[in-house]
């Protein structure tokens, strides 16, 4: 079985300017995306506390964020966990450092 015929010349270099330009555009776009809007760093880089919370019924991320802000925490980051098995699960990241006693960690948060 022969994939390429003998003696056939493939001129890959005639496409070099087009692929070079496309590569340059992708590099420039990557640099722009690194600067604006910037990477979303997790708690391991910026510090703070990260909690996984679950609700029995559907809750909007904006409602969770406003409730945390009313509790006195500034700029909470609420992320919905998209998983078929986990319904109504969210990650809550805040800049403040807090500790939760072991007994309270196993207790349901909200009902």
PDB file of N, CA and C in Angstrom:
ATOM      1  N   UNK A   1       0.839  -1.164   0.000  1.00  0.00           N
ATOM      2  CA  UNK A   1       0.000   0.000   0.000  1.00  0.00           C
ATOM      3  C   UNK A   1       0.890   1.235   0.000  1.00  0.00           C
ATOM      4  N   UNK A   2       0.615   2.160  -0.874  1.00  0.00           N
ATOM      5  CA  UNK A   2       1.442   3.355  -1.017  1.00  0.00           C
ATOM      6  C   UNK A   2       0.549   4.583  -0.820  1.00  0.00           C
ATOM      7  N   UNK A   3       0.887   5.384   0.196  1.00  0.00           N
ATOM      8  CA  UNK A   3       0.087   6.565   0.501  1.00  0.00           C
ATOM      9  C   UNK A   3       0.444   7.738  -0.407  1.00  0.00           C
ATOM     10  N   UNK A   4       1.721   7.915  -0.673  1.00  0.00           N
ATOM     11  CA  UNK A   4       2.179   9.031  -1.488  1.00  0.00           C
ATOM     12  C   UNK A   4       2.836   8.491  -2.758  1.00  0.00           C
ATOM     13  N   UNK A   5       2.445   9.000  -3.912  1.00  0.00           N
ATOM     14  CA  UNK A   5       3.058   8.512  -5.141  1.00  0.00           C
ATOM     15  C   UNK A   5       4.528   8.941  -5.222  1.00  0.00           C
ATOM     16  N   UNK A   6       5.343   8.086  -5.794  1.00  0.00           N
ATOM     17  CA  UNK A   6       6.765   8.390  -5.929  1.00  0.00           C
ATOM     18  C   UNK A   6       6.948   9.515  -6.938  1.00  0.00           C
ATOM     19  N   UNK A   7       7.896  10.396  -6.609  1.00  0.00           N
ATOM     20  CA  UNK A   7       8.233  11.475  -7.513  1.00  0.00           C
ATOM     21  C   UNK A   7       7.322  12.689  -7.398  1.00  0.00           C
ATOM     22  N   UNK A   8       6.250  12.606  -6.635  1.00  0.00           N
ATOM     23  CA  UNK A   8       5.335  13.730  -6.455  1.00  0.00           C
ATOM     24  C   UNK A   8       5.967  14.727  -5.503  1.00  0.00           C
ATOM     25  N   UNK A   9       5.967  16.001  -5.850  1.00  0.00           N
ATOM     26  CA  UNK A   9       6.547  17.062  -5.024  1.00  0.00           C
ATOM     27  C   UNK A   9       5.399  17.866  -4.409  1.00  0.00           C
ATOM     28  N   UNK A  10       5.426  17.974  -3.105  1.00  0.00           N
ATOM     29  CA  UNK A  10       4.434  18.761  -2.380  1.00  0.00           C
ATOM     30  C   UNK A  10       5.092  20.067  -1.955  1.00  0.00           C
ATOM     31  N   UNK A  11       4.572  21.169  -2.396  1.00  0.00           N
ATOM     32  CA  UNK A  11       5.151  22.479  -2.107  1.00  0.00           C
ATOM     33  C   UNK A  11       4.464  23.086  -0.881  1.00  0.00           C
ATOM     34  N   UNK A  12       4.959  22.710   0.282  1.00  0.00           N
ATOM     35  CA  UNK A  12       4.390  23.226   1.520  1.00  0.00           C
ATOM     36  C   UNK A  12       4.779  24.681   1.748  1.00  0.00           C
ATOM     37  N   UNK A  13       5.900  25.108   1.251  1.00  0.00           N
ATOM     38  CA  UNK A  13       6.402  26.444   1.513  1.00  0.00           C
ATOM     39  C   UNK A  13       5.597  27.534   0.799  1.00  0.00           C
ATOM     40  N   UNK A  14       4.803  27.199  -0.190  1.00  0.00           N
ATOM     41  CA  UNK A  14       4.002  28.234  -0.833  1.00  0.00           C
ATOM     42  C   UNK A  14       2.921  28.756   0.115  1.00  0.00           C
ATOM     43  N   UNK A  15       2.577  27.956   1.124  1.00  0.00           N
ATOM     44  CA  UNK A  15       1.584  28.375   2.121  1.00  0.00           C
ATOM     45  C   UNK A  15       2.216  29.027   3.348  1.00  0.00           C
ATOM     46  N   UNK A  16       3.543  29.129   3.388  1.00  0.00           N
ATOM     47  CA  UNK A  16       4.240  29.668   4.553  1.00  0.00           C
ATOM     48  C   UNK A  16       3.806  31.087   4.904  1.00  0.00           C
ATOM     49  N   UNK A  17       3.661  32.010   3.973  1.00  0.00           N
ATOM     50  CA  UNK A  17       3.229  33.359   4.359  1.00  0.00           C
ATOM     51  C   UNK A  17       1.841  33.381   5.010  1.00  0.00           C
ATOM     52  N   UNK A  18       0.921  32.601   4.503  1.00  0.00           N
ATOM     53  CA  UNK A  18      -0.428  32.576   5.082  1.00  0.00           C
ATOM     54  C   UNK A  18      -0.397  32.001   6.493  1.00  0.00           C
ATOM     55  N   UNK A  19       0.297  30.879   6.684  1.00  0.00           N
ATOM     56  CA  UNK A  19       0.361  30.277   8.014  1.00  0.00           C
ATOM     57  C   UNK A  19       1.209  31.114   8.969  1.00  0.00           C
ATOM     58  N   UNK A  20       2.224  31.790   8.448  1.00  0.00           N
ATOM     59  CA  UNK A  20       3.022  32.697   9.283  1.00  0.00           C
ATOM     60  C   UNK A  20       2.185  33.859   9.781  1.00  0.00           C
ATOM     61  N   UNK A  21       1.357  34.427   8.905  1.00  0.00           N
ATOM     62  CA  UNK A  21       0.475  35.518   9.314  1.00  0.00           C
ATOM     63  C   UNK A  21      -0.566  35.076  10.320  1.00  0.00           C
ATOM     64  N   UNK A  22      -1.134  33.904  10.096  1.00  0.00           N
ATOM     65  CA  UNK A  22      -2.125  33.376  11.044  1.00  0.00           C
ATOM     66  C   UNK A  22      -1.486  33.113  12.398  1.00  0.00           C
ATOM     67  N   UNK A  23      -0.269  32.594  12.389  1.00  0.00           N
ATOM     68  CA  UNK A  23       0.433  32.331  13.635  1.00  0.00           C
ATOM     69  C   UNK A  23       0.719  33.632  14.377  1.00  0.00           C
ATOM     70  N   UNK A  24       1.139  34.663  13.649  1.00  0.00           N
ATOM     71  CA  UNK A  24       1.406  35.958  14.266  1.00  0.00           C
ATOM     72  C   UNK A  24       0.140  36.543  14.885  1.00  0.00           C
ATOM     73  N   UNK A  25      -0.993  36.441  14.196  1.00  0.00           N
ATOM     74  CA  UNK A  25      -2.254  36.929  14.752  1.00  0.00           C
ATOM     75  C   UNK A  25      -2.653  36.179  16.017  1.00  0.00           C
ATOM     76  N   UNK A  26      -2.439  34.874  16.042  1.00  0.00           N
ATOM     77  CA  UNK A  26      -2.764  34.090  17.241  1.00  0.00           C
ATOM     78  C   UNK A  26      -1.864  34.447  18.416  1.00  0.00           C
ATOM     79  N   UNK A  27      -0.598  34.714  18.151  1.00  0.00           N
ATOM     80  CA  UNK A  27       0.320  35.119  19.227  1.00  0.00           C
ATOM     81  C   UNK A  27      -0.097  36.465  19.797  1.00  0.00           C
ATOM     82  N   UNK A  28      -0.430  37.412  18.922  1.00  0.00           N
ATOM     83  CA  UNK A  28      -0.868  38.734  19.383  1.00  0.00           C
ATOM     84  C   UNK A  28      -2.165  38.619  20.182  1.00  0.00           C
ATOM     85  N   UNK A  29      -3.103  37.811  19.707  1.00  0.00           N
ATOM     86  CA  UNK A  29      -4.360  37.616  20.438  1.00  0.00           C
ATOM     87  C   UNK A  29      -4.110  36.985  21.807  1.00  0.00           C
ATOM     88  N   UNK A  30      -3.163  36.066  21.904  1.00  0.00           N
ATOM     89  CA  UNK A  30      -2.841  35.430  23.186  1.00  0.00           C
ATOM     90  C   UNK A  30      -2.265  36.437  24.174  1.00  0.00           C
ATOM     91  N   UNK A  31      -1.395  37.301  23.700  1.00  0.00           N
ATOM     92  CA  UNK A  31      -0.802  38.318  24.580  1.00  0.00           C
ATOM     93  C   UNK A  31      -1.874  39.286  25.055  1.00  0.00           C
ATOM     94  N   UNK A  32      -2.780  39.679  24.165  1.00  0.00           N
ATOM     95  CA  UNK A  32      -3.858  40.584  24.552  1.00  0.00           C
ATOM     96  C   UNK A  32      -4.742  39.927  25.603  1.00  0.00           C
ATOM     97  N   UNK A  33      -5.066  38.651  25.445  1.00  0.00           N
ATOM     98  CA  UNK A  33      -5.917  37.953  26.415  1.00  0.00           C
ATOM     99  C   UNK A  33      -5.224  37.754  27.760  1.00  0.00           C
ATOM    100  N   UNK A  34      -3.900  37.719  27.781  1.00  0.00           N
ATOM    101  CA  UNK A  34      -3.187  37.631  29.061  1.00  0.00           C
ATOM    102  C   UNK A  34      -3.290  38.931  29.839  1.00  0.00           C
ATOM    103  N   UNK A  35      -3.353  40.052  29.112  1.00  0.00           N
ATOM    104  CA  UNK A  35      -3.394  41.357  29.760  1.00  0.00           C
ATOM    105  C   UNK A  35      -4.823  41.789  30.064  1.00  0.00           C
ATOM    106  N   UNK A  36      -5.708  41.629  29.098  1.00  0.00           N
ATOM    107  CA  UNK A  36      -7.093  42.044  29.281  1.00  0.00           C
ATOM    108  C   UNK A  36      -8.029  40.899  28.960  1.00  0.00           C
ATOM    109  N   UNK A  37      -8.858  40.434  29.772  1.00  0.00           N
ATOM    110  CA  UNK A  37      -9.205  40.899  31.108  1.00  0.00           C
ATOM    111  C   UNK A  37      -8.280  40.358  32.186  1.00  0.00           C
ATOM    112  N   UNK A  38      -7.307  39.567  31.815  1.00  0.00           N
ATOM    113  CA  UNK A  38      -6.366  39.022  32.791  1.00  0.00           C
ATOM    114  C   UNK A  38      -6.811  37.661  33.276  1.00  0.00           C
ATOM    115  N   UNK A  39      -5.894  36.901  33.831  1.00  0.00           N
ATOM    116  CA  UNK A  39      -6.256  35.569  34.317  1.00  0.00           C
ATOM    117  C   UNK A  39      -7.082  35.659  35.598  1.00  0.00           C
ATOM    118  N   UNK A  40      -7.978  34.699  35.769  1.00  0.00           N
ATOM    119  CA  UNK A  40      -8.748  34.605  37.015  1.00  0.00           C
ATOM    120  C   UNK A  40      -7.995  33.664  37.945  1.00  0.00           C
ATOM    121  N   UNK A  41      -7.260  34.238  38.870  1.00  0.00           N
ATOM    122  CA  UNK A  41      -6.426  33.449  39.763  1.00  0.00           C
ATOM    123  C   UNK A  41      -7.264  32.871  40.890  1.00  0.00           C
ATOM    124  N   UNK A  42      -6.962  31.640  41.261  1.00  0.00           N
ATOM    125  CA  UNK A  42      -7.666  30.978  42.345  1.00  0.00           C
ATOM    126  C   UNK A  42      -7.109  31.361  43.696  1.00  0.00           C
ATOM    127  N   UNK A  43      -7.671  30.765  44.739  1.00  0.00           N
ATOM    128  CA  UNK A  43      -7.253  31.092  46.097  1.00  0.00           C
ATOM    129  C   UNK A  43      -5.816  30.679  46.377  1.00  0.00           C
ATOM    130  N   UNK A  44      -5.281  29.725  45.626  1.00  0.00           N
ATOM    131  CA  UNK A  44      -3.908  29.312  45.857  1.00  0.00           C
ATOM    132  C   UNK A  44      -2.923  30.391  45.414  1.00  0.00           C
ATOM    133  N   UNK A  45      -3.329  31.338  44.573  1.00  0.00           N
ATOM    134  CA  UNK A  45      -2.448  32.421  44.152  1.00  0.00           C
ATOM    135  C   UNK A  45      -2.730  33.726  44.881  1.00  0.00           C
ATOM    136  N   UNK A  46      -3.979  34.024  45.166  1.00  0.00           N
ATOM    137  CA  UNK A  46      -4.321  35.311  45.755  1.00  0.00           C
ATOM    138  C   UNK A  46      -4.664  35.208  47.237  1.00  0.00           C
ATOM    139  N   UNK A  47      -4.799  34.010  47.770  1.00  0.00           N
ATOM    140  CA  UNK A  47      -5.151  33.838  49.168  1.00  0.00           C
ATOM    141  C   UNK A  47      -6.646  33.957  49.373  1.00  0.00           C
ATOM    142  N   UNK A  48      -7.087  33.688  50.577  1.00  0.00           N
ATOM    143  CA  UNK A  48      -8.504  33.786  50.892  1.00  0.00           C
ATOM    144  C   UNK A  48      -9.080  32.438  51.272  1.00  0.00           C
ATOM    145  N   UNK A  49     -10.380  32.364  51.162  1.00  0.00           N
ATOM    146  CA  UNK A  49     -11.111  31.167  51.559  1.00  0.00           C
ATOM    147  C   UNK A  49     -11.975  30.701  50.402  1.00  0.00           C
ATOM    148  N   UNK A  50     -12.044  29.393  50.216  1.00  0.00           N
ATOM    149  CA  UNK A  50     -12.878  28.809  49.177  1.00  0.00           C
ATOM    150  C   UNK A  50     -13.790  27.783  49.826  1.00  0.00           C
ATOM    151  N   UNK A  51     -15.077  27.930  49.589  1.00  0.00           N
ATOM    152  CA  UNK A  51     -16.077  27.019  50.146  1.00  0.00           C
ATOM    153  C   UNK A  51     -16.881  26.402  49.018  1.00  0.00           C
ATOM    154  N   UNK A  52     -17.272  25.158  49.193  1.00  0.00           N
ATOM    155  CA  UNK A  52     -18.230  24.539  48.288  1.00  0.00           C
ATOM    156  C   UNK A  52     -19.541  24.466  49.041  1.00  0.00           C
ATOM    157  N   UNK A  53     -20.555  25.091  48.463  1.00  0.00           N
ATOM    158  CA  UNK A  53     -21.855  25.128  49.126  1.00  0.00           C
ATOM    159  C   UNK A  53     -22.893  24.464  48.228  1.00  0.00           C
ATOM    160  N   UNK A  54     -23.921  23.906  48.856  1.00  0.00           N
ATOM    161  CA  UNK A  54     -24.991  23.220  48.127  1.00  0.00           C
ATOM    162  C   UNK A  54     -26.335  23.652  48.694  1.00  0.00           C
ATOM    163  N   UNK A  55     -27.311  23.706  47.812  1.00  0.00           N
ATOM    164  CA  UNK A  55     -28.664  24.069  48.196  1.00  0.00           C
ATOM    165  C   UNK A  55     -29.616  22.966  47.764  1.00  0.00           C
ATOM    166  N   UNK A  56     -30.731  22.860  48.460  1.00  0.00           N
ATOM    167  CA  UNK A  56     -31.712  21.842  48.105  1.00  0.00           C
ATOM    168  C   UNK A  56     -32.517  22.235  46.877  1.00  0.00           C
ATOM    169  N   UNK A  57     -32.678  23.543  46.641  1.00  0.00           N
ATOM    170  CA  UNK A  57     -33.405  23.999  45.460  1.00  0.00           C
ATOM    171  C   UNK A  57     -32.550  25.016  44.708  1.00  0.00           C
ATOM    172  N   UNK A  58     -32.956  25.347  43.502  1.00  0.00           N
ATOM    173  CA  UNK A  58     -32.172  26.238  42.642  1.00  0.00           C
ATOM    174  C   UNK A  58     -32.064  27.641  43.243  1.00  0.00           C
ATOM    175  N   UNK A  59     -30.853  28.191  43.169  1.00  0.00           N
ATOM    176  CA  UNK A  59     -30.570  29.528  43.666  1.00  0.00           C
ATOM    177  C   UNK A  59     -29.742  30.245  42.603  1.00  0.00           C
ATOM    178  N   UNK A  60     -29.996  31.533  42.416  1.00  0.00           N
ATOM    179  CA  UNK A  60     -29.227  32.314  41.457  1.00  0.00           C
ATOM    180  C   UNK A  60     -27.886  32.731  42.070  1.00  0.00           C
ATOM    181  N   UNK A  61     -26.852  32.761  41.243  1.00  0.00           N
ATOM    182  CA  UNK A  61     -25.530  33.171  41.740  1.00  0.00           C
ATOM    183  C   UNK A  61     -25.554  34.603  42.251  1.00  0.00           C
ATOM    184  N   UNK A  62     -26.356  35.466  41.640  1.00  0.00           N
ATOM    185  CA  UNK A  62     -26.458  36.857  42.093  1.00  0.00           C
ATOM    186  C   UNK A  62     -27.041  36.931  43.497  1.00  0.00           C
ATOM    187  N   UNK A  63     -27.994  36.042  43.818  1.00  0.00           N
ATOM    188  CA  UNK A  63     -28.578  36.022  45.160  1.00  0.00           C
ATOM    189  C   UNK A  63     -27.543  35.603  46.197  1.00  0.00           C
ATOM    190  N   UNK A  64     -26.729  34.615  45.859  1.00  0.00           N
ATOM    191  CA  UNK A  64     -25.677  34.175  46.787  1.00  0.00           C
ATOM    192  C   UNK A  64     -24.667  35.295  46.992  1.00  0.00           C
ATOM    193  N   UNK A  65     -24.276  35.936  45.897  1.00  0.00           N
ATOM    194  CA  UNK A  65     -23.283  37.001  45.983  1.00  0.00           C
ATOM    195  C   UNK A  65     -23.800  38.163  46.833  1.00  0.00           C
ATOM    196  N   UNK A  66     -25.043  38.557  46.634  1.00  0.00           N
ATOM    197  CA  UNK A  66     -25.582  39.667  47.425  1.00  0.00           C
ATOM    198  C   UNK A  66     -25.719  39.282  48.901  1.00  0.00           C
ATOM    199  N   UNK A  67     -26.059  38.030  49.196  1.00  0.00           N
ATOM    200  CA  UNK A  67     -26.165  37.594  50.595  1.00  0.00           C
ATOM    201  C   UNK A  67     -24.801  37.620  51.275  1.00  0.00           C
ATOM    202  N   UNK A  68     -23.772  37.210  50.565  1.00  0.00           N
ATOM    203  CA  UNK A  68     -22.428  37.226  51.145  1.00  0.00           C
ATOM    204  C   UNK A  68     -21.949  38.660  51.340  1.00  0.00           C
ATOM    205  N   UNK A  69     -22.276  39.547  50.391  1.00  0.00           N
ATOM    206  CA  UNK A  69     -21.897  40.948  50.537  1.00  0.00           C
ATOM    207  C   UNK A  69     -22.619  41.596  51.715  1.00  0.00           C
ATOM    208  N   UNK A  70     -23.893  41.238  51.929  1.00  0.00           N
ATOM    209  CA  UNK A  70     -24.633  41.766  53.084  1.00  0.00           C
ATOM    210  C   UNK A  70     -24.027  41.280  54.391  1.00  0.00           C
ATOM    211  N   UNK A  71     -23.368  40.118  54.360  1.00  0.00           N
ATOM    212  CA  UNK A  71     -22.729  39.585  55.565  1.00  0.00           C
ATOM    213  C   UNK A  71     -21.420  40.305  55.877  1.00  0.00           C
ATOM    214  N   UNK A  72     -20.987  41.196  54.981  1.00  0.00           N
ATOM    215  CA  UNK A  72     -19.797  41.986  55.259  1.00  0.00           C
ATOM    216  C   UNK A  72     -18.551  41.562  54.511  1.00  0.00           C
ATOM    217  N   UNK A  73     -18.677  40.669  53.557  1.00  0.00           N
ATOM    218  CA  UNK A  73     -17.519  40.216  52.784  1.00  0.00           C
ATOM    219  C   UNK A  73     -17.538  40.961  51.450  1.00  0.00           C
ATOM    220  N   UNK A  74     -16.404  41.564  51.117  1.00  0.00           N
ATOM    221  CA  UNK A  74     -16.363  42.331  49.872  1.00  0.00           C
ATOM    222  C   UNK A  74     -15.906  41.463  48.703  1.00  0.00           C
ATOM    223  N   UNK A  75     -16.507  41.679  47.565  1.00  0.00           N
ATOM    224  CA  UNK A  75     -16.173  41.045  46.292  1.00  0.00           C
ATOM    225  C   UNK A  75     -16.101  39.518  46.341  1.00  0.00           C
ATOM    226  N   UNK A  76     -17.190  38.848  46.711  1.00  0.00           N
ATOM    227  CA  UNK A  76     -17.178  37.386  46.657  1.00  0.00           C
ATOM    228  C   UNK A  76     -17.274  36.910  45.209  1.00  0.00           C
ATOM    229  N   UNK A  77     -16.660  35.799  44.923  1.00  0.00           N
ATOM    230  CA  UNK A  77     -16.690  35.200  43.596  1.00  0.00           C
ATOM    231  C   UNK A  77     -17.499  33.913  43.697  1.00  0.00           C
ATOM    232  N   UNK A  78     -18.657  33.874  43.062  1.00  0.00           N
ATOM    233  CA  UNK A  78     -19.554  32.725  43.128  1.00  0.00           C
ATOM    234  C   UNK A  78     -19.546  32.039  41.761  1.00  0.00           C
ATOM    235  N   UNK A  79     -19.230  30.746  41.767  1.00  0.00           N
ATOM    236  CA  UNK A  79     -19.142  29.976  40.529  1.00  0.00           C
ATOM    237  C   UNK A  79     -20.043  28.759  40.658  1.00  0.00           C
ATOM    238  N   UNK A  80     -20.948  28.576  39.691  1.00  0.00           N
ATOM    239  CA  UNK A  80     -21.831  27.410  39.699  1.00  0.00           C
ATOM    240  C   UNK A  80     -21.061  26.198  39.207  1.00  0.00           C
ATOM    241  N   UNK A  81     -21.165  25.104  39.948  1.00  0.00           N
ATOM    242  CA  UNK A  81     -20.518  23.851  39.567  1.00  0.00           C
ATOM    243  C   UNK A  81     -21.423  23.159  38.562  1.00  0.00           C
ATOM    244  N   UNK A  82     -20.932  23.019  37.340  1.00  0.00           N
ATOM    245  CA  UNK A  82     -21.718  22.394  36.273  1.00  0.00           C
ATOM    246  C   UNK A  82     -21.370  20.913  36.208  1.00  0.00           C
ATOM    247  N   UNK A  83     -22.176  20.107  36.874  1.00  0.00           N
ATOM    248  CA  UNK A  83     -21.966  18.663  36.883  1.00  0.00           C
ATOM    249  C   UNK A  83     -23.334  18.005  36.933  1.00  0.00           C
ATOM    250  N   UNK A  84     -23.517  16.976  36.158  1.00  0.00           N
ATOM    251  CA  UNK A  84     -24.806  16.298  36.110  1.00  0.00           C
ATOM    252  C   UNK A  84     -25.208  15.674  37.438  1.00  0.00           C
ATOM    253  N   UNK A  85     -24.236  15.252  38.217  1.00  0.00           N
ATOM    254  CA  UNK A  85     -24.524  14.586  39.489  1.00  0.00           C
ATOM    255  C   UNK A  85     -24.780  15.590  40.609  1.00  0.00           C
ATOM    256  N   UNK A  86     -24.118  16.741  40.558  1.00  0.00           N
ATOM    257  CA  UNK A  86     -24.233  17.732  41.621  1.00  0.00           C
ATOM    258  C   UNK A  86     -25.207  18.827  41.204  1.00  0.00           C
ATOM    259  N   UNK A  87     -26.364  18.827  41.794  1.00  0.00           N
ATOM    260  CA  UNK A  87     -27.356  19.854  41.514  1.00  0.00           C
ATOM    261  C   UNK A  87     -27.226  20.962  42.555  1.00  0.00           C
ATOM    262  N   UNK A  88     -27.313  22.199  42.118  1.00  0.00           N
ATOM    263  CA  UNK A  88     -27.316  23.368  42.997  1.00  0.00           C
ATOM    264  C   UNK A  88     -26.063  23.456  43.872  1.00  0.00           C
ATOM    265  N   UNK A  89     -24.901  23.144  43.294  1.00  0.00           N
ATOM    266  CA  UNK A  89     -23.626  23.266  43.988  1.00  0.00           C
ATOM    267  C   UNK A  89     -22.885  24.487  43.454  1.00  0.00           C
ATOM    268  N   UNK A  90     -22.235  25.208  44.362  1.00  0.00           N
ATOM    269  CA  UNK A  90     -21.521  26.430  44.002  1.00  0.00           C
ATOM    270  C   UNK A  90     -20.176  26.463  44.720  1.00  0.00           C
ATOM    271  N   UNK A  91     -19.206  27.127  44.089  1.00  0.00           N
ATOM    272  CA  UNK A  91     -17.941  27.446  44.743  1.00  0.00           C
ATOM    273  C   UNK A  91     -18.000  28.907  45.138  1.00  0.00           C
ATOM    274  N   UNK A  92     -17.658  29.197  46.367  1.00  0.00           N
ATOM    275  CA  UNK A  92     -17.655  30.559  46.887  1.00  0.00           C
ATOM    276  C   UNK A  92     -16.229  30.898  47.276  1.00  0.00           C
ATOM    277  N   UNK A  93     -15.668  31.910  46.611  1.00  0.00           N
ATOM    278  CA  UNK A  93     -14.296  32.348  46.909  1.00  0.00           C
ATOM    279  C   UNK A  93     -14.343  33.772  47.432  1.00  0.00           C
ATOM    280  N   UNK A  94     -13.692  33.994  48.559  1.00  0.00           N
ATOM    281  CA  UNK A  94     -13.600  35.330  49.145  1.00  0.00           C
ATOM    282  C   UNK A  94     -12.157  35.612  49.506  1.00  0.00           C
ATOM    283  N   UNK A  95     -11.803  36.896  49.537  1.00  0.00           N
ATOM    284  CA  UNK A  95     -10.434  37.284  49.859  1.00  0.00           C
ATOM    285  C   UNK A  95     -10.132  37.134  51.346  1.00  0.00           C
ATOM    286  N   UNK A  96     -11.151  37.212  52.176  1.00  0.00           N
ATOM    287  CA  UNK A  96     -10.954  37.099  53.613  1.00  0.00           C
ATOM    288  C   UNK A  96     -10.587  35.672  53.982  1.00  0.00           C
ATOM    289  N   UNK A  97      -9.774  35.537  55.005  1.00  0.00           N
ATOM    290  CA  UNK A  97      -9.388  34.220  55.499  1.00  0.00           C
ATOM    291  C   UNK A  97     -10.263  33.901  56.698  1.00  0.00           C
ATOM    292  N   UNK A  98     -10.891  32.735  56.664  1.00  0.00           N
ATOM    293  CA  UNK A  98     -11.764  32.324  57.755  1.00  0.00           C
ATOM    294  C   UNK A  98     -11.528  30.854  58.050  1.00  0.00           C
ATOM    295  N   UNK A  99     -11.769  30.497  59.286  1.00  0.00           N
ATOM    296  CA  UNK A  99     -11.674  29.087  59.658  1.00  0.00           C
ATOM    297  C   UNK A  99     -13.038  28.622  60.124  1.00  0.00           C
ATOM    298  N   UNK A 100     -13.370  27.407  59.801  1.00  0.00           N
ATOM    299  CA  UNK A 100     -14.639  26.811  60.205  1.00  0.00           C
ATOM    300  C   UNK A 100     -14.316  25.603  61.075  1.00  0.00           C
ATOM    301  N   UNK A 101     -14.865  25.548  62.283  1.00  0.00           N
ATOM    302  CA  UNK A 101     -14.607  24.390  63.146  1.00  0.00           C
ATOM    303  C   UNK A 101     -15.060  23.090  62.475  1.00  0.00           C
ATOM    304  N   UNK A 102     -14.419  21.998  62.809  1.00  0.00           N
ATOM    305  CA  UNK A 102     -14.712  20.700  62.205  1.00  0.00           C
ATOM    306  C   UNK A 102     -16.153  20.271  62.350  1.00  0.00           C
ATOM    307  N   UNK A 103     -16.790  20.586  63.485  1.00  0.00           N
ATOM    308  CA  UNK A 103     -18.178  20.204  63.711  1.00  0.00           C
ATOM    309  C   UNK A 103     -19.085  20.919  62.712  1.00  0.00           C
ATOM    310  N   UNK A 104     -18.814  22.202  62.447  1.00  0.00           N
ATOM    311  CA  UNK A 104     -19.645  22.983  61.531  1.00  0.00           C
ATOM    312  C   UNK A 104     -19.413  22.620  60.073  1.00  0.00           C
ATOM    313  N   UNK A 105     -18.280  22.037  59.756  1.00  0.00           N
ATOM    314  CA  UNK A 105     -17.986  21.683  58.368  1.00  0.00           C
ATOM    315  C   UNK A 105     -18.918  20.599  57.857  1.00  0.00           C
ATOM    316  N   UNK A 106     -19.338  19.715  58.703  1.00  0.00           N
ATOM    317  CA  UNK A 106     -20.200  18.605  58.286  1.00  0.00           C
ATOM    318  C   UNK A 106     -21.676  18.961  58.345  1.00  0.00           C
ATOM    319  N   UNK A 107     -22.023  20.071  58.971  1.00  0.00           N
ATOM    320  CA  UNK A 107     -23.437  20.458  59.120  1.00  0.00           C
ATOM    321  C   UNK A 107     -23.949  21.073  57.830  1.00  0.00           C
ATOM    322  N   UNK A 108     -25.242  20.881  57.518  1.00  0.00           N
ATOM    323  CA  UNK A 108     -25.812  21.540  56.332  1.00  0.00           C
ATOM    324  C   UNK A 108     -25.760  23.042  56.504  1.00  0.00           C
ATOM    325  N   UNK A 109     -25.462  23.782  55.413  1.00  0.00           N
ATOM    326  CA  UNK A 109     -25.315  25.231  55.498  1.00  0.00           C
ATOM    327  C   UNK A 109     -26.663  25.933  55.513  1.00  0.00           C
ATOM    328  N   UNK A 110     -27.487  25.684  54.508  1.00  0.00           N
ATOM    329  CA  UNK A 110     -28.799  26.341  54.433  1.00  0.00           C
ATOM    330  C   UNK A 110     -29.837  25.291  54.069  1.00  0.00           C
ATOM    331  N   UNK A 111     -30.990  25.475  54.557  1.00  0.00           N
ATOM    332  CA  UNK A 111     -32.084  24.539  54.241  1.00  0.00           C
ATOM    333  C   UNK A 111     -33.172  25.251  53.535  1.00  0.00           C
TER     334      UNK A 111
END
